[in-house]
């Protein structure tokens, strides 16, 4: 039981989050990337659509991650 708790808590705590906070953040990132990926696939077929969707998603997620990382270090 302790091994499972350590495996579940170790990473979230290392980034300054509880398990539930990490679950929420990681889920948001995953869903956001899936949506952007689907937009990229549509863009591949119809280049006139979703021209900046992937770039915007990457920029948003990178900013969120860097802000969180900077906040956690302080």
N, C-alpha and C. Protein backbone atom coordinates (compact mmCIF):
# COMPACT_ATOMS: atom_id res chain seq x y z
N UNK A 1 0.82 -1.19 0.00
CA UNK A 1 0.00 0.00 0.00
C UNK A 1 0.87 1.26 0.00
N UNK A 2 1.94 1.28 0.77
CA UNK A 2 2.80 2.45 0.81
C UNK A 2 3.45 2.71 -0.54
N UNK A 3 3.82 1.65 -1.25
CA UNK A 3 4.44 1.81 -2.57
C UNK A 3 3.48 2.50 -3.52
N UNK A 4 2.24 2.08 -3.53
CA UNK A 4 1.24 2.69 -4.42
C UNK A 4 1.04 4.15 -4.05
N UNK A 5 0.91 4.45 -2.76
CA UNK A 5 0.75 5.85 -2.34
C UNK A 5 1.95 6.68 -2.76
N UNK A 6 3.15 6.14 -2.60
CA UNK A 6 4.35 6.89 -2.98
C UNK A 6 4.36 7.14 -4.48
N UNK A 7 4.02 6.12 -5.26
CA UNK A 7 4.01 6.28 -6.72
C UNK A 7 2.97 7.30 -7.17
N UNK A 8 1.84 7.35 -6.50
CA UNK A 8 0.78 8.28 -6.87
C UNK A 8 1.09 9.70 -6.41
N UNK A 9 1.73 9.87 -5.28
CA UNK A 9 1.96 11.19 -4.71
C UNK A 9 3.30 11.83 -5.08
N UNK A 10 4.28 11.01 -5.41
CA UNK A 10 5.64 11.53 -5.59
C UNK A 10 5.73 12.63 -6.65
N UNK A 11 5.26 12.36 -7.84
CA UNK A 11 5.36 13.36 -8.90
C UNK A 11 4.50 14.59 -8.63
N UNK A 12 3.21 14.43 -8.30
CA UNK A 12 2.41 15.63 -8.03
C UNK A 12 3.04 16.53 -6.96
N UNK A 13 3.55 15.94 -5.90
CA UNK A 13 4.19 16.74 -4.86
C UNK A 13 5.45 17.42 -5.37
N UNK A 14 6.16 16.77 -6.30
CA UNK A 14 7.39 17.37 -6.83
C UNK A 14 7.12 18.61 -7.66
N UNK A 15 5.89 18.75 -8.14
CA UNK A 15 5.52 19.94 -8.91
C UNK A 15 4.58 20.85 -8.13
N UNK A 16 4.46 20.60 -6.82
CA UNK A 16 3.68 21.47 -5.95
C UNK A 16 2.18 21.31 -6.06
N UNK A 17 1.73 20.11 -6.38
CA UNK A 17 0.29 19.87 -6.52
C UNK A 17 -0.12 18.68 -5.67
N UNK A 18 -1.39 18.68 -5.29
CA UNK A 18 -1.97 17.49 -4.68
C UNK A 18 -2.28 16.51 -5.82
N UNK A 19 -2.66 15.30 -5.45
CA UNK A 19 -3.02 14.32 -6.48
C UNK A 19 -4.17 14.84 -7.33
N UNK A 20 -5.21 15.38 -6.68
CA UNK A 20 -6.37 15.86 -7.43
C UNK A 20 -6.05 17.08 -8.29
N UNK A 21 -5.22 17.97 -7.78
CA UNK A 21 -4.80 19.12 -8.60
C UNK A 21 -4.04 18.63 -9.83
N UNK A 22 -3.15 17.66 -9.63
CA UNK A 22 -2.38 17.13 -10.75
C UNK A 22 -3.29 16.41 -11.74
N UNK A 23 -4.23 15.66 -11.23
CA UNK A 23 -5.21 14.97 -12.10
C UNK A 23 -5.93 15.99 -12.97
N UNK A 24 -6.37 17.07 -12.36
CA UNK A 24 -7.08 18.11 -13.09
C UNK A 24 -6.19 18.78 -14.14
N UNK A 25 -5.00 19.19 -13.74
CA UNK A 25 -4.09 19.88 -14.66
C UNK A 25 -3.65 18.96 -15.81
N UNK A 26 -3.26 17.74 -15.48
CA UNK A 26 -2.80 16.81 -16.51
C UNK A 26 -3.94 16.46 -17.47
N UNK A 27 -5.15 16.34 -16.94
CA UNK A 27 -6.31 16.05 -17.80
C UNK A 27 -6.58 17.22 -18.74
N UNK A 28 -6.50 18.44 -18.20
CA UNK A 28 -6.69 19.62 -19.04
C UNK A 28 -5.66 19.67 -20.17
N UNK A 29 -4.39 19.45 -19.81
CA UNK A 29 -3.33 19.46 -20.81
C UNK A 29 -3.59 18.39 -21.87
N UNK A 30 -3.95 17.20 -21.44
CA UNK A 30 -4.19 16.10 -22.38
C UNK A 30 -5.33 16.38 -23.33
N UNK A 31 -6.44 16.87 -22.78
CA UNK A 31 -7.60 17.18 -23.62
C UNK A 31 -7.27 18.31 -24.58
N UNK A 32 -6.58 19.32 -24.08
CA UNK A 32 -6.20 20.47 -24.93
C UNK A 32 -5.31 20.00 -26.09
N UNK A 33 -4.37 19.10 -25.80
CA UNK A 33 -3.50 18.59 -26.86
C UNK A 33 -4.26 17.72 -27.84
N UNK A 34 -5.22 16.93 -27.35
CA UNK A 34 -6.03 16.11 -28.26
C UNK A 34 -6.84 16.99 -29.21
N UNK A 35 -7.46 18.03 -28.67
CA UNK A 35 -8.25 18.94 -29.51
C UNK A 35 -7.36 19.62 -30.54
N UNK A 36 -6.19 20.09 -30.11
CA UNK A 36 -5.27 20.74 -31.04
C UNK A 36 -4.78 19.74 -32.10
N UNK A 37 -4.55 18.51 -31.68
CA UNK A 37 -4.13 17.47 -32.63
C UNK A 37 -5.20 17.18 -33.67
N UNK A 38 -6.44 17.13 -33.23
CA UNK A 38 -7.54 16.93 -34.19
C UNK A 38 -7.64 18.11 -35.15
N UNK A 39 -7.45 19.31 -34.62
CA UNK A 39 -7.45 20.49 -35.49
C UNK A 39 -6.33 20.41 -36.52
N UNK A 40 -5.18 19.89 -36.12
CA UNK A 40 -4.05 19.72 -37.06
C UNK A 40 -4.41 18.74 -38.17
N UNK A 41 -5.09 17.66 -37.80
CA UNK A 41 -5.49 16.67 -38.82
C UNK A 41 -6.48 17.28 -39.81
N UNK A 42 -7.43 18.06 -39.31
CA UNK A 42 -8.37 18.74 -40.21
C UNK A 42 -7.61 19.73 -41.08
N UNK A 43 -6.69 20.47 -40.47
CA UNK A 43 -5.88 21.45 -41.21
C UNK A 43 -5.06 20.77 -42.31
N UNK A 44 -4.60 19.56 -42.07
CA UNK A 44 -3.83 18.84 -43.09
C UNK A 44 -4.66 18.61 -44.35
N UNK A 45 -5.94 18.35 -44.17
CA UNK A 45 -6.84 18.10 -45.30
C UNK A 45 -7.38 19.40 -45.88
N UNK A 46 -7.72 20.33 -44.99
CA UNK A 46 -8.28 21.62 -45.40
C UNK A 46 -7.42 22.74 -44.82
N UNK A 47 -6.34 23.10 -45.51
CA UNK A 47 -5.38 24.07 -44.98
C UNK A 47 -5.96 25.44 -44.64
N UNK A 48 -7.13 25.74 -45.15
CA UNK A 48 -7.74 27.04 -44.85
C UNK A 48 -8.34 27.08 -43.44
N UNK A 49 -8.46 25.92 -42.79
CA UNK A 49 -9.04 25.85 -41.45
C UNK A 49 -7.96 25.65 -40.39
N UNK A 50 -8.23 26.17 -39.21
CA UNK A 50 -7.37 25.96 -38.03
C UNK A 50 -5.90 26.30 -38.28
N UNK A 51 -5.68 27.44 -38.91
CA UNK A 51 -4.32 27.85 -39.27
C UNK A 51 -3.43 28.10 -38.05
N UNK A 52 -3.99 28.57 -36.97
CA UNK A 52 -3.18 28.93 -35.80
C UNK A 52 -3.55 28.14 -34.55
N UNK A 53 -4.41 27.16 -34.66
CA UNK A 53 -4.91 26.44 -33.49
C UNK A 53 -3.79 25.71 -32.74
N UNK A 54 -2.96 24.98 -33.44
CA UNK A 54 -1.89 24.23 -32.78
C UNK A 54 -0.89 25.19 -32.14
N UNK A 55 -0.51 26.22 -32.84
CA UNK A 55 0.44 27.20 -32.31
C UNK A 55 -0.12 27.84 -31.04
N UNK A 56 -1.39 28.20 -31.06
CA UNK A 56 -2.03 28.82 -29.90
C UNK A 56 -2.07 27.85 -28.72
N UNK A 57 -2.38 26.58 -28.98
CA UNK A 57 -2.45 25.59 -27.91
C UNK A 57 -1.07 25.36 -27.30
N UNK A 58 -0.06 25.24 -28.14
CA UNK A 58 1.31 25.03 -27.64
C UNK A 58 1.75 26.23 -26.81
N UNK A 59 1.48 27.41 -27.30
CA UNK A 59 1.87 28.63 -26.59
C UNK A 59 1.16 28.72 -25.24
N UNK A 60 -0.14 28.45 -25.23
CA UNK A 60 -0.93 28.49 -23.99
C UNK A 60 -0.40 27.49 -22.97
N UNK A 61 -0.20 26.26 -23.40
CA UNK A 61 0.25 25.21 -22.48
C UNK A 61 1.66 25.48 -21.97
N UNK A 62 2.52 25.96 -22.85
CA UNK A 62 3.88 26.28 -22.44
C UNK A 62 3.87 27.39 -21.38
N UNK A 63 3.08 28.43 -21.62
CA UNK A 63 2.99 29.53 -20.66
C UNK A 63 2.46 29.04 -19.32
N UNK A 64 1.38 28.24 -19.35
CA UNK A 64 0.83 27.70 -18.10
C UNK A 64 1.87 26.89 -17.34
N UNK A 65 2.62 26.07 -18.05
CA UNK A 65 3.61 25.22 -17.41
C UNK A 65 4.75 26.05 -16.82
N UNK A 66 5.21 27.05 -17.55
CA UNK A 66 6.32 27.88 -17.07
C UNK A 66 5.89 28.73 -15.86
N UNK A 67 4.68 29.25 -15.88
CA UNK A 67 4.17 30.03 -14.76
C UNK A 67 4.06 29.13 -13.53
N UNK A 68 3.52 27.94 -13.71
CA UNK A 68 3.39 26.99 -12.60
C UNK A 68 4.77 26.62 -12.06
N UNK A 69 5.70 26.36 -12.94
CA UNK A 69 7.07 25.97 -12.53
C UNK A 69 7.73 27.11 -11.77
N UNK A 70 7.58 28.34 -12.25
CA UNK A 70 8.18 29.50 -11.58
C UNK A 70 7.54 29.73 -10.22
N UNK A 71 6.24 29.55 -10.13
CA UNK A 71 5.52 29.71 -8.88
C UNK A 71 5.95 28.65 -7.86
N UNK A 72 6.14 27.44 -8.33
CA UNK A 72 6.52 26.33 -7.45
C UNK A 72 7.93 26.52 -6.89
N UNK A 73 8.82 27.10 -7.66
CA UNK A 73 10.21 27.31 -7.22
C UNK A 73 10.32 28.33 -6.11
N UNK A 74 9.42 29.32 -6.13
CA UNK A 74 9.49 30.41 -5.14
C UNK A 74 9.05 29.98 -3.76
